[in-house]
C-alpha atoms as a PDB file:
ATOM      1  CA  MET A   1      -5.254 -21.004  73.956  1.00  0.00           C
ATOM      2  CA  MET A   2      -1.610 -19.927  73.459  1.00  0.00           C
ATOM      3  CA  ARG A   3      -1.415 -21.736  70.105  1.00  0.00           C
ATOM      4  CA  LEU A   4      -4.628 -20.073  68.940  1.00  0.00           C
ATOM      5  CA  PHE A   5      -3.358 -16.611  69.891  1.00  0.00           C
ATOM      6  CA  PHE A   6      -0.011 -16.982  68.127  1.00  0.00           C
ATOM      7  CA  GLY A   7      -1.760 -18.542  65.129  1.00  0.00           C
ATOM      8  CA  LEU A   8      -3.936 -15.436  64.838  1.00  0.00           C
ATOM      9  CA  LEU A   9      -0.870 -13.233  65.249  1.00  0.00           C
ATOM     10  CA  ILE A  10       0.997 -14.979  62.412  1.00  0.00           C
ATOM     11  CA  PHE A  11      -2.096 -14.913  60.195  1.00  0.00           C
ATOM     12  CA  SER A  12      -2.550 -11.192  60.858  1.00  0.00           C
ATOM     13  CA  SER A  13       1.092 -10.499  59.986  1.00  0.00           C
ATOM     14  CA  LEU A  14       0.811 -12.364  56.687  1.00  0.00           C
ATOM     15  CA  THR A  15      -2.443 -10.710  55.599  1.00  0.00           C
ATOM     16  CA  ALA A  16      -1.159  -7.257  56.578  1.00  0.00           C
ATOM     17  CA  HIS A  17       1.801  -7.292  54.212  1.00  0.00           C
ATOM     18  CA  ALA A  18      -0.040  -5.662  51.291  1.00  0.00           C
ATOM     19  CA  GLN A  19      -2.060  -3.148  53.360  1.00  0.00           C
ATOM     20  CA  GLN A  20      -1.368   0.459  54.254  1.00  0.00           C
ATOM     21  CA  TYR A  21       0.416   0.735  57.580  1.00  0.00           C
ATOM     22  CA  SER A  22       1.884   3.077  60.169  1.00  0.00           C
ATOM     23  CA  MET A  23       4.681   2.378  62.636  1.00  0.00           C
ATOM     24  CA  SER A  24       5.273   4.120  65.989  1.00  0.00           C
ATOM     25  CA  LEU A  25       7.630   3.870  68.967  1.00  0.00           C
ATOM     26  CA  GLY A  26       7.092   5.441  72.381  1.00  0.00           C
ATOM     27  CA  ILE A  27       7.000   5.177  76.165  1.00  0.00           C
ATOM     28  CA  TYR A  28       4.203   4.729  78.690  1.00  0.00           C
ATOM     29  CA  THR A  29       3.494   4.698  82.411  1.00  0.00           C
ATOM     30  CA  GLY A  30       0.425   4.201  84.580  1.00  0.00           C
ATOM     31  CA  ILE A  31      -1.146   2.524  87.592  1.00  0.00           C
ATOM     32  CA  ALA A  32      -2.125  -1.049  88.460  1.00  0.00           C
ATOM     33  CA  VAL A  33      -4.857  -2.327  90.781  1.00  0.00           C
ATOM     34  CA  PRO A  34      -3.822  -5.854  91.870  1.00  0.00           C
ATOM     35  CA  PHE A  35      -6.028  -8.735  93.007  1.00  0.00           C
ATOM     36  CA  THR A  36      -4.529 -11.859  94.589  1.00  0.00           C
ATOM     37  CA  MET A  37      -7.016 -14.714  94.351  1.00  0.00           C
ATOM     38  CA  ASP A  38      -5.819 -17.026  97.138  1.00  0.00           C
ATOM     39  CA  GLN A  39      -8.050 -19.716  98.637  1.00  0.00           C
ATOM     40  CA  GLY A  40      -5.878 -19.869 101.740  1.00  0.00           C
ATOM     41  CA  ILE A  41      -6.239 -16.154 102.495  1.00  0.00           C
ATOM     42  CA  ASN A  42      -9.981 -16.213 101.750  1.00  0.00           C
ATOM     43  CA  ASN A  43     -10.507 -19.070 104.229  1.00  0.00           C
ATOM     44  CA  ASP A  44      -8.213 -17.644 106.910  1.00  0.00           C
ATOM     45  CA  PRO A  45     -10.018 -15.735 109.730  1.00  0.00           C
ATOM     46  CA  ARG A  46      -6.818 -13.787 110.422  1.00  0.00           C
ATOM     47  CA  TYR A  47      -7.193 -11.631 107.256  1.00  0.00           C
ATOM     48  CA  ARG A  48      -9.619  -9.236 105.604  1.00  0.00           C
ATOM     49  CA  THR A  49      -9.444  -7.913 102.044  1.00  0.00           C
ATOM     50  CA  ARG A  50      -7.666  -4.623 101.369  1.00  0.00           C
ATOM     51  CA  TYR A  51      -7.531  -2.820  97.997  1.00  0.00           C
ATOM     52  CA  SER A  52      -4.671  -0.635  96.822  1.00  0.00           C
ATOM     53  CA  VAL A  53      -3.196   1.061  93.741  1.00  0.00           C
ATOM     54  CA  LYS A  54       0.406   0.534  92.675  1.00  0.00           C
ATOM     55  CA  PHE A  55       2.569   2.603  90.365  1.00  0.00           C
ATOM     56  CA  ALA A  56       3.588   1.058  87.033  1.00  0.00           C
ATOM     57  CA  PRO A  57       7.033   2.386  86.021  1.00  0.00           C
ATOM     58  CA  ILE A  58       7.945   3.450  82.492  1.00  0.00           C
ATOM     59  CA  GLY A  59       7.748   0.911  79.673  1.00  0.00           C
ATOM     60  CA  LEU A  60       8.198   0.942  75.903  1.00  0.00           C
ATOM     61  CA  SER A  61       5.562   0.602  73.188  1.00  0.00           C
ATOM     62  CA  TYR A  62       5.988  -0.417  69.567  1.00  0.00           C
ATOM     63  CA  SER A  63       2.961  -0.490  67.292  1.00  0.00           C
ATOM     64  CA  MET A  64       2.229  -1.335  63.667  1.00  0.00           C
ATOM     65  CA  ASP A  65      -1.271  -0.352  62.567  1.00  0.00           C
ATOM     66  CA  TYR A  66      -3.041  -1.437  59.405  1.00  0.00           C
ATOM     67  CA  GLU A  67      -6.474  -0.616  58.033  1.00  0.00           C
ATOM     68  CA  HIS A  68      -8.539  -2.747  60.428  1.00  0.00           C
ATOM     69  CA  PHE A  69      -6.077  -4.108  62.992  1.00  0.00           C
ATOM     70  CA  GLY A  70      -2.644  -3.653  64.500  1.00  0.00           C
ATOM     71  CA  ILE A  71       0.193  -5.422  66.289  1.00  0.00           C
ATOM     72  CA  LEU A  72       1.339  -4.048  69.652  1.00  0.00           C
ATOM     73  CA  PHE A  73       4.465  -4.821  71.699  1.00  0.00           C
ATOM     74  CA  THR A  74       4.626  -3.208  75.178  1.00  0.00           C
ATOM     75  CA  PRO A  75       7.563  -4.426  77.328  1.00  0.00           C
ATOM     76  CA  GLY A  76       7.776  -2.870  80.779  1.00  0.00           C
ATOM     77  CA  ILE A  77       7.896  -3.237  84.563  1.00  0.00           C
ATOM     78  CA  VAL A  78       4.787  -3.884  86.667  1.00  0.00           C
ATOM     79  CA  ASN A  79       4.234  -4.022  90.452  1.00  0.00           C
ATOM     80  CA  ILE A  80       1.439  -6.315  91.665  1.00  0.00           C
ATOM     81  CA  GLY A  81       0.298  -8.236  94.745  1.00  0.00           C
ATOM     82  CA  GLN A  82      -2.754  -7.504  96.853  1.00  0.00           C
ATOM     83  CA  SER A  83      -2.392  -6.773 100.565  1.00  0.00           C
ATOM     84  CA  SER A  84      -4.719  -7.858 103.372  1.00  0.00           C
ATOM     85  CA  PHE A  85      -5.605  -6.450 106.768  1.00  0.00           C
ATOM     86  CA  ALA A  86      -4.581  -8.613 109.735  1.00  0.00           C
ATOM     87  CA  VAL A  87      -7.396  -8.940 112.296  1.00  0.00           C
ATOM     88  CA  ASN A  88      -7.688 -10.222 115.865  1.00  0.00           C
ATOM     89  CA  ASN A  89     -10.015 -12.887 117.191  1.00  0.00           C
ATOM     90  CA  VAL A  90     -12.996 -10.494 117.196  1.00  0.00           C
ATOM     91  CA  GLY A  91     -12.354  -8.998 113.758  1.00  0.00           C
ATOM     92  CA  GLY A  92     -10.552  -5.825 114.796  1.00  0.00           C
ATOM     93  CA  GLN A  93      -7.816  -4.524 112.507  1.00  0.00           C
ATOM     94  CA  ILE A  94      -4.359  -4.980 114.046  1.00  0.00           C
ATOM     95  CA  GLY A  95      -1.930  -4.906 111.107  1.00  0.00           C
ATOM     96  CA  ILE A  96      -1.324  -5.682 107.462  1.00  0.00           C
ATOM     97  CA  ARG A  97      -0.049  -8.506 105.270  1.00  0.00           C
ATOM     98  CA  HIS A  98       1.868  -7.251 102.214  1.00  0.00           C
ATOM     99  CA  ILE A  99       2.409  -9.144  98.927  1.00  0.00           C
ATOM    100  CA  ASN A 100       4.858  -7.357  96.637  1.00  0.00           C
ATOM    101  CA  LEU A 101       5.846  -8.768  93.242  1.00  0.00           C
ATOM    102  CA  THR A 102       7.786  -6.901  90.556  1.00  0.00           C
ATOM    103  CA  TYR A 103       7.848  -8.375  87.048  1.00  0.00           C
ATOM    104  CA  ALA A 104       9.606  -7.409  83.818  1.00  0.00           C
ATOM    105  CA  GLN A 105       6.988  -8.379  81.254  1.00  0.00           C
ATOM    106  CA  LEU A 106       7.111  -8.818  77.476  1.00  0.00           C
ATOM    107  CA  PRO A 107       3.510  -8.797  76.168  1.00  0.00           C
ATOM    108  CA  ILE A 108       2.667  -8.888  72.483  1.00  0.00           C
ATOM    109  CA  GLY A 109      -0.894  -8.237  71.360  1.00  0.00           C
ATOM    110  CA  ILE A 110      -3.347  -7.768  68.537  1.00  0.00           C
ATOM    111  CA  LYS A 111      -5.513  -4.672  68.144  1.00  0.00           C
ATOM    112  CA  TYR A 112      -8.829  -4.675  66.322  1.00  0.00           C
ATOM    113  CA  HIS A 113      -9.868  -1.143  65.366  1.00  0.00           C
ATOM    114  CA  VAL A 114     -13.449  -0.567  66.488  1.00  0.00           C
ATOM    115  CA  ILE A 115     -13.363   3.144  65.605  1.00  0.00           C
ATOM    116  CA  ASP A 116     -10.840   4.346  63.021  1.00  0.00           C
ATOM    117  CA  LEU A 117     -10.868   8.054  62.141  1.00  0.00           C
ATOM    118  CA  SER A 118      -8.126  10.215  60.680  1.00  0.00           C
ATOM    119  CA  PHE A 119      -7.007  11.525  64.102  1.00  0.00           C
ATOM    120  CA  PHE A 120      -8.645   9.132  66.596  1.00  0.00           C
ATOM    121  CA  ARG A 121      -8.770   5.365  66.964  1.00  0.00           C
ATOM    122  CA  VAL A 122     -10.344   2.981  69.522  1.00  0.00           C
ATOM    123  CA  SER A 123      -9.200  -0.637  69.492  1.00  0.00           C
ATOM    124  CA  ALA A 124     -10.005  -3.856  71.313  1.00  0.00           C
ATOM    125  CA  VAL A 125      -6.761  -5.440  72.540  1.00  0.00           C
ATOM    126  CA  ALA A 126      -5.840  -9.063  73.339  1.00  0.00           C
ATOM    127  CA  ALA A 127      -2.301  -9.914  74.445  1.00  0.00           C
ATOM    128  CA  VAL A 128      -0.138 -12.625  75.942  1.00  0.00           C
ATOM    129  CA  GLY A 129       3.402 -12.462  77.272  1.00  0.00           C
ATOM    130  CA  ALA A 130       6.070 -13.819  79.554  1.00  0.00           C
ATOM    131  CA  ALA A 131       6.889 -12.038  82.816  1.00  0.00           C
ATOM    132  CA  TYR A 132      10.188 -12.475  84.659  1.00  0.00           C
ATOM    133  CA  LEU A 133      10.337 -11.973  88.412  1.00  0.00           C
ATOM    134  CA  VAL A 134      12.603  -9.066  89.378  1.00  0.00           C
ATOM    135  CA  ASN A 135      11.755  -8.998  93.075  1.00  0.00           C
ATOM    136  CA  GLY A 136       9.227 -10.670  95.336  1.00  0.00           C
ATOM    137  CA  LYS A 137       8.443 -10.852  99.023  1.00  0.00           C
ATOM    138  CA  GLU A 138       5.546 -11.312 101.401  1.00  0.00           C
ATOM    139  CA  THR A 139       5.562  -9.923 104.940  1.00  0.00           C
ATOM    140  CA  ILE A 140       3.202  -9.363 107.836  1.00  0.00           C
ATOM    141  CA  THR A 141       3.172  -6.662 110.497  1.00  0.00           C
ATOM    142  CA  HIS A 142       0.756  -6.663 113.434  1.00  0.00           C
ATOM    143  CA  GLU A 143       0.506  -5.423 116.989  1.00  0.00           C
ATOM    144  CA  ALA A 144       0.321  -7.653 120.061  1.00  0.00           C
ATOM    145  CA  ALA A 145      -3.120  -9.260 120.051  1.00  0.00           C
ATOM    146  CA  LYS A 146      -5.139 -12.425 120.418  1.00  0.00           C
ATOM    147  CA  ILE A 147      -5.393 -14.088 116.986  1.00  0.00           C
ATOM    148  CA  LYS A 148      -7.241 -17.151 115.668  1.00  0.00           C
ATOM    149  CA  PHE A 149      -4.329 -19.340 114.577  1.00  0.00           C
ATOM    150  CA  PRO A 150      -5.392 -22.727 113.169  1.00  0.00           C
ATOM    151  CA  THR A 151      -4.801 -25.575 115.611  1.00  0.00           C
ATOM    152  CA  THR A 152      -2.710 -27.374 112.974  1.00  0.00           C
ATOM    153  CA  VAL A 153       0.151 -24.881 113.520  1.00  0.00           C
ATOM    154  CA  TYR A 154       0.120 -25.036 117.321  1.00  0.00           C
ATOM    155  CA  PRO A 155       3.127 -27.434 117.353  1.00  0.00           C
ATOM    156  CA  ILE A 156       5.339 -24.861 115.559  1.00  0.00           C
ATOM    157  CA  LEU A 157       4.323 -21.756 117.534  1.00  0.00           C
ATOM    158  CA  PRO A 158       7.488 -19.843 118.584  1.00  0.00           C
ATOM    159  CA  SER A 159       8.167 -18.770 122.139  1.00  0.00           C
ATOM    160  CA  GLY A 160       6.035 -15.798 123.130  1.00  0.00           C
ATOM    161  CA  TYR A 161       2.903 -17.197 121.467  1.00  0.00           C
ATOM    162  CA  THR A 162       0.477 -18.340 124.191  1.00  0.00           C
ATOM    163  CA  ILE A 163      -2.430 -20.679 123.452  1.00  0.00           C
ATOM    164  CA  GLU A 164      -5.708 -19.673 125.106  1.00  0.00           C
ATOM    165  CA  TYR A 165      -9.247 -21.028 124.834  1.00  0.00           C
ATOM    166  CA  ASP A 166     -10.376 -18.447 122.252  1.00  0.00           C
ATOM    167  CA  GLY A 167      -7.193 -17.997 120.233  1.00  0.00           C
ATOM    168  CA  VAL A 168      -3.460 -17.445 120.494  1.00  0.00           C
ATOM    169  CA  ARG A 169      -1.996 -14.432 122.241  1.00  0.00           C
ATOM    170  CA  ALA A 170       0.744 -13.291 119.850  1.00  0.00           C
ATOM    171  CA  PRO A 171       3.456 -10.655 120.333  1.00  0.00           C
ATOM    172  CA  ALA A 172       3.861  -7.704 117.994  1.00  0.00           C
ATOM    173  CA  VAL A 173       5.808  -8.435 114.812  1.00  0.00           C
ATOM    174  CA  LYS A 174       7.182  -6.048 112.188  1.00  0.00           C
ATOM    175  CA  ASP A 175       7.860  -7.139 108.595  1.00  0.00           C
ATOM    176  CA  TYR A 176       7.822 -10.804 109.580  1.00  0.00           C
ATOM    177  CA  PRO A 177       9.152 -12.633 106.457  1.00  0.00           C
ATOM    178  CA  MET A 178       6.565 -15.059 105.108  1.00  0.00           C
ATOM    179  CA  LEU A 179       7.962 -15.542 101.574  1.00  0.00           C
ATOM    180  CA  GLN A 180      11.218 -14.423  99.960  1.00  0.00           C
ATOM    181  CA  LYS A 181      12.077 -14.106  96.265  1.00  0.00           C
ATOM    182  CA  GLN A 182      13.221 -17.745  96.108  1.00  0.00           C
ATOM    183  CA  ASP A 183       9.739 -18.862  97.205  1.00  0.00           C
ATOM    184  CA  PHE A 184       8.183 -17.470  93.987  1.00  0.00           C
ATOM    185  CA  ASN A 185       8.401 -18.942  90.497  1.00  0.00           C
ATOM    186  CA  PRO A 186      10.775 -16.858  88.335  1.00  0.00           C
ATOM    187  CA  LEU A 187       8.519 -17.058  85.274  1.00  0.00           C
ATOM    188  CA  GLN A 188       4.858 -16.119  84.894  1.00  0.00           C
ATOM    189  CA  ILE A 189       2.583 -16.001  81.840  1.00  0.00           C
ATOM    190  CA  PHE A 190      -0.010 -13.244  81.650  1.00  0.00           C
ATOM    191  CA  VAL A 191      -2.945 -13.094  79.254  1.00  0.00           C
ATOM    192  CA  SER A 192      -4.833  -9.823  78.954  1.00  0.00           C
ATOM    193  CA  GLY A 193      -7.715  -8.080  77.257  1.00  0.00           C
ATOM    194  CA  GLY A 194      -9.045  -4.550  77.137  1.00  0.00           C
ATOM    195  CA  PHE A 195      -9.332  -1.375  75.081  1.00  0.00           C
ATOM    196  CA  ARG A 196      -6.907   1.217  73.754  1.00  0.00           C
ATOM    197  CA  SER A 197      -7.458   4.695  72.309  1.00  0.00           C
ATOM    198  CA  ASP A 198      -4.904   6.496  70.131  1.00  0.00           C
ATOM    199  CA  TRP A 199      -5.017  10.244  69.455  1.00  0.00           C
ATOM    200  CA  ASP A 200      -2.931  11.797  66.689  1.00  0.00           C
ATOM    201  CA  ILE A 201      -2.049  15.151  68.235  1.00  0.00           C
ATOM    202  CA  SER A 202       0.171  15.997  65.246  1.00  0.00           C
ATOM    203  CA  ASN A 203       1.524  14.388  62.086  1.00  0.00           C
ATOM    204  CA  HIS A 204       4.389  12.938  64.130  1.00  0.00           C
ATOM    205  CA  TRP A 205       3.088  12.309  67.676  1.00  0.00           C
ATOM    206  CA  ARG A 206       0.440  10.002  69.112  1.00  0.00           C
ATOM    207  CA  LEU A 207      -1.112  10.071  72.613  1.00  0.00           C
ATOM    208  CA  SER A 208      -2.515   6.739  73.859  1.00  0.00           C
ATOM    209  CA  PHE A 209      -4.678   5.504  76.739  1.00  0.00           C
ATOM    210  CA  ASP A 210      -4.670   1.765  77.417  1.00  0.00           C
ATOM    211  CA  PHE A 211      -6.846  -0.192  79.865  1.00  0.00           C
ATOM    212  CA  ARG A 212      -6.370  -3.946  80.276  1.00  0.00           C
ATOM    213  CA  VAL A 213      -7.172  -6.722  82.715  1.00  0.00           C
ATOM    214  CA  ASN A 214      -4.264  -9.174  83.121  1.00  0.00           C
ATOM    215  CA  TYR A 215      -4.467 -12.727  84.470  1.00  0.00           C
ATOM    216  CA  GLY A 216      -1.513 -14.901  85.512  1.00  0.00           C
ATOM    217  CA  ILE A 217      -2.137 -18.472  84.400  1.00  0.00           C
ATOM    218  CA  ARG A 218       0.563 -20.051  86.590  1.00  0.00           C
ATOM    219  CA  GLU A 219       0.750 -20.527  90.367  1.00  0.00           C
ATOM    220  CA  PRO A 220       3.160 -17.753  91.428  1.00  0.00           C
ATOM    221  CA  ARG A 221       4.674 -19.722  94.340  1.00  0.00           C
ATOM    222  CA  THR A 222       7.112 -22.599  94.047  1.00  0.00           C
ATOM    223  CA  ALA A 223       6.091 -26.230  94.586  1.00  0.00           C
ATOM    224  CA  ALA A 224       8.556 -26.447  97.498  1.00  0.00           C
ATOM    225  CA  TYR A 225       6.814 -23.616  99.361  1.00  0.00           C
ATOM    226  CA  ILE A 226       3.352 -25.040  98.672  1.00  0.00           C
ATOM    227  CA  ASP A 227       4.497 -28.364 100.146  1.00  0.00           C
ATOM    228  CA  LYS A 228       5.559 -26.515 103.315  1.00  0.00           C
ATOM    229  CA  VAL A 229       2.111 -24.915 103.578  1.00  0.00           C
ATOM    230  CA  LYS A 230       0.369 -28.266 103.127  1.00  0.00           C
ATOM    231  CA  ALA A 231       2.601 -29.769 105.816  1.00  0.00           C
ATOM    232  CA  ASN A 232       1.553 -26.996 108.260  1.00  0.00           C
ATOM    233  CA  GLN A 233       5.091 -25.617 108.429  1.00  0.00           C
ATOM    234  CA  THR A 234       4.114 -21.989 107.781  1.00  0.00           C
ATOM    235  CA  LEU A 235       2.969 -19.877 110.700  1.00  0.00           C
ATOM    236  CA  TYR A 236       0.847 -17.272 108.908  1.00  0.00           C
ATOM    237  CA  ASP A 237      -0.332 -19.134 105.803  1.00  0.00           C
ATOM    238  CA  LEU A 238      -2.995 -21.696 104.909  1.00  0.00           C
ATOM    239  CA  PRO A 239      -2.996 -24.032 101.873  1.00  0.00           C
ATOM    240  CA  GLY A 240      -4.931 -22.970  98.782  1.00  0.00           C
ATOM    241  CA  ILE A 241      -4.558 -22.221  95.083  1.00  0.00           C
ATOM    242  CA  ARG A 242      -3.303 -18.731  94.218  1.00  0.00           C
ATOM    243  CA  ARG A 243      -3.564 -16.719  91.008  1.00  0.00           C
ATOM    244  CA  ASP A 244      -2.574 -13.106  90.317  1.00  0.00           C
ATOM    245  CA  LEU A 245      -4.816 -10.679  88.463  1.00  0.00           C
ATOM    246  CA  TYR A 246      -4.436  -6.939  87.946  1.00  0.00           C
ATOM    247  CA  ALA A 247      -6.110  -4.116  86.064  1.00  0.00           C
ATOM    248  CA  GLN A 248      -3.739  -1.592  84.511  1.00  0.00           C
ATOM    249  CA  LEU A 249      -4.394   1.884  83.132  1.00  0.00           C
ATOM    250  CA  SER A 250      -1.547   3.313  81.059  1.00  0.00           C
ATOM    251  CA  VAL A 251      -0.860   6.624  79.361  1.00  0.00           C
ATOM    252  CA  GLY A 252       1.725   6.766  76.580  1.00  0.00           C
ATOM    253  CA  MET A 253       3.326   9.050  74.031  1.00  0.00           C
ATOM    254  CA  ALA A 254       4.718   7.711  70.753  1.00  0.00           C
ATOM    255  CA  ARG A 255       6.328   9.105  67.627  1.00  0.00           C
ATOM    256  CA  TYR A 256       5.555   7.872  64.137  1.00  0.00           C
ATOM    257  CA  LEU A 257       8.623   6.227  62.635  1.00  0.00           C
ATOM    258  CA  GLU A 258       7.228   5.345  59.231  1.00  0.00           C
ATOM    259  CA  PHE A 259       3.974   5.185  57.325  1.00  0.00           C
ATOM    260  CA  GLU A 260       3.113   4.295  53.774  1.00  0.00           C
ATOM    261  CA  LYS A 261       3.042   7.187  51.317  1.00  0.00           C
ATOM    262  CA  SER A 262      -0.638   6.776  50.442  1.00  0.00           C
ATOM    263  CA  ASP A 263      -1.507   6.748  54.143  1.00  0.00           C
ATOM    264  CA  ARG A 264       0.581   9.892  54.735  1.00  0.00           C
ATOM    265  CA  ASP A 265      -1.145  11.738  51.949  1.00  0.00           C
ATOM    266  CA  ARG A 266      -4.547  10.678  53.255  1.00  0.00           C
ATOM    267  CA  LYS A 267      -3.712  12.025  56.741  1.00  0.00           C
ATOM    268  CA  LYS A 268      -2.529  15.348  55.338  1.00  0.00           C
ATOM    269  CA  ARG A 269      -5.653  15.815  53.256  1.00  0.00           C
ATOM    270  CA  LEU A 270      -7.937  14.999  56.185  1.00  0.00           C
ATOM    271  CA  LYS A 271      -6.054  17.437  58.417  1.00  0.00           C
ATOM    272  CA  GLY A 272      -6.183  20.248  55.899  1.00  0.00           C
ATOM    273  CA  LYS A 273      -2.493  20.074  55.035  1.00  0.00           C
ATOM    274  CA  GLY A 274      -2.760  18.867  51.459  1.00  0.00           C
ATOM    275  CA  GLN A 275      -1.465  20.661  48.419  1.00  0.00           C
ATOM    276  CA  VAL A 276      -2.594  24.256  47.973  1.00  0.00           C
ATOM    277  CA  TYR A 277      -4.903  24.832  45.020  1.00  0.00           C
ATOM    278  CA  SER A 278      -3.285  26.642  42.126  1.00  0.00           C
ATOM    279  CA  PRO A 279      -5.242  27.726  39.010  1.00  0.00           C
ATOM    280  CA  LYS A 280      -4.307  26.427  35.613  1.00  0.00           C
ATOM    281  CA  LYS A 281      -1.874  28.597  33.666  1.00  0.00           C
ATOM    282  CA  ARG A 282      -3.453  30.728  30.971  1.00  0.00           C
ATOM    283  CA  SER A 283      -1.949  30.973  27.532  1.00  0.00           C
ATOM    284  CA  HIS A 284      -0.561  34.436  26.714  1.00  0.00           C
ATOM    285  CA  ARG A 285      -1.775  34.961  23.191  1.00  0.00           C
ATOM    286  CA  ARG A 286      -1.843  38.349  21.596  1.00  0.00           C
ATOM    287  CA  PRO A 287      -5.334  39.788  20.963  1.00  0.00           C
ATOM    288  CA  LYS A 288      -6.433  39.891  17.398  1.00  0.00           C
ATOM    289  CA  SER A 289      -5.985  43.273  15.768  1.00  0.00           C
ATOM    290  CA  ARG A 290      -9.050  45.052  14.482  1.00  0.00           C
ATOM    291  CA  GLY A 291      -9.388  46.626  11.072  1.00  0.00           C
END
């Protein structure tokens, strides 16, 4: 899949050389809705799904657009990781499990222009990029309650956890550390797809709205931590495959750096800023004399 994407990217770059183009550079920000697909959490009676929105800090955008397609580079910072409600042995909410991952990502993508007008463009976007872990942690906070711990972790229960016939009576914990940064892989690969709209609000500035769904193709946790989970050495975690997915909506502003002369003239004509009409000069010849 990666080879196919970069093959298309190289092919697009080669075929674009002789076409009209425009180049822009800008910044963007937005929001992300994360989803953590974890078999362990899904099968664990101690948790229930919780949805949240996270802020995506400012990133940069660089775009080269041709007649039917474009190339887009959007490095930036993204915050992901879905949280879960902690529940007691009868399903009552008693706390929350937080997953927080911050990545510096370097996605490069291809745009195919579905709608291409003089001032407005809608494009389908496909991208792939590396993401480097800046910070990562996973914690749990819950009040004192009776919780359904799996019997496999009974041997490692700390003092204060009392086994009863219908669960384990656990004390209150606050920001109990489940995973630290070293328990996550430092590199992730995200593939994404979505749509982007670009609005030319002037001859020099472009306003953009970008919506994409991003999928992490690698297990975000290290093999060493996964081995601990499989060996029942983690108090609040069950074994299972995990993948990160998030939907991101971004708003950006960019300035045109360069565009081909023929493309510039076309934009001016379509926006009513072409050359002003001037009548042809008349020859000043003397009138013929009569008589």
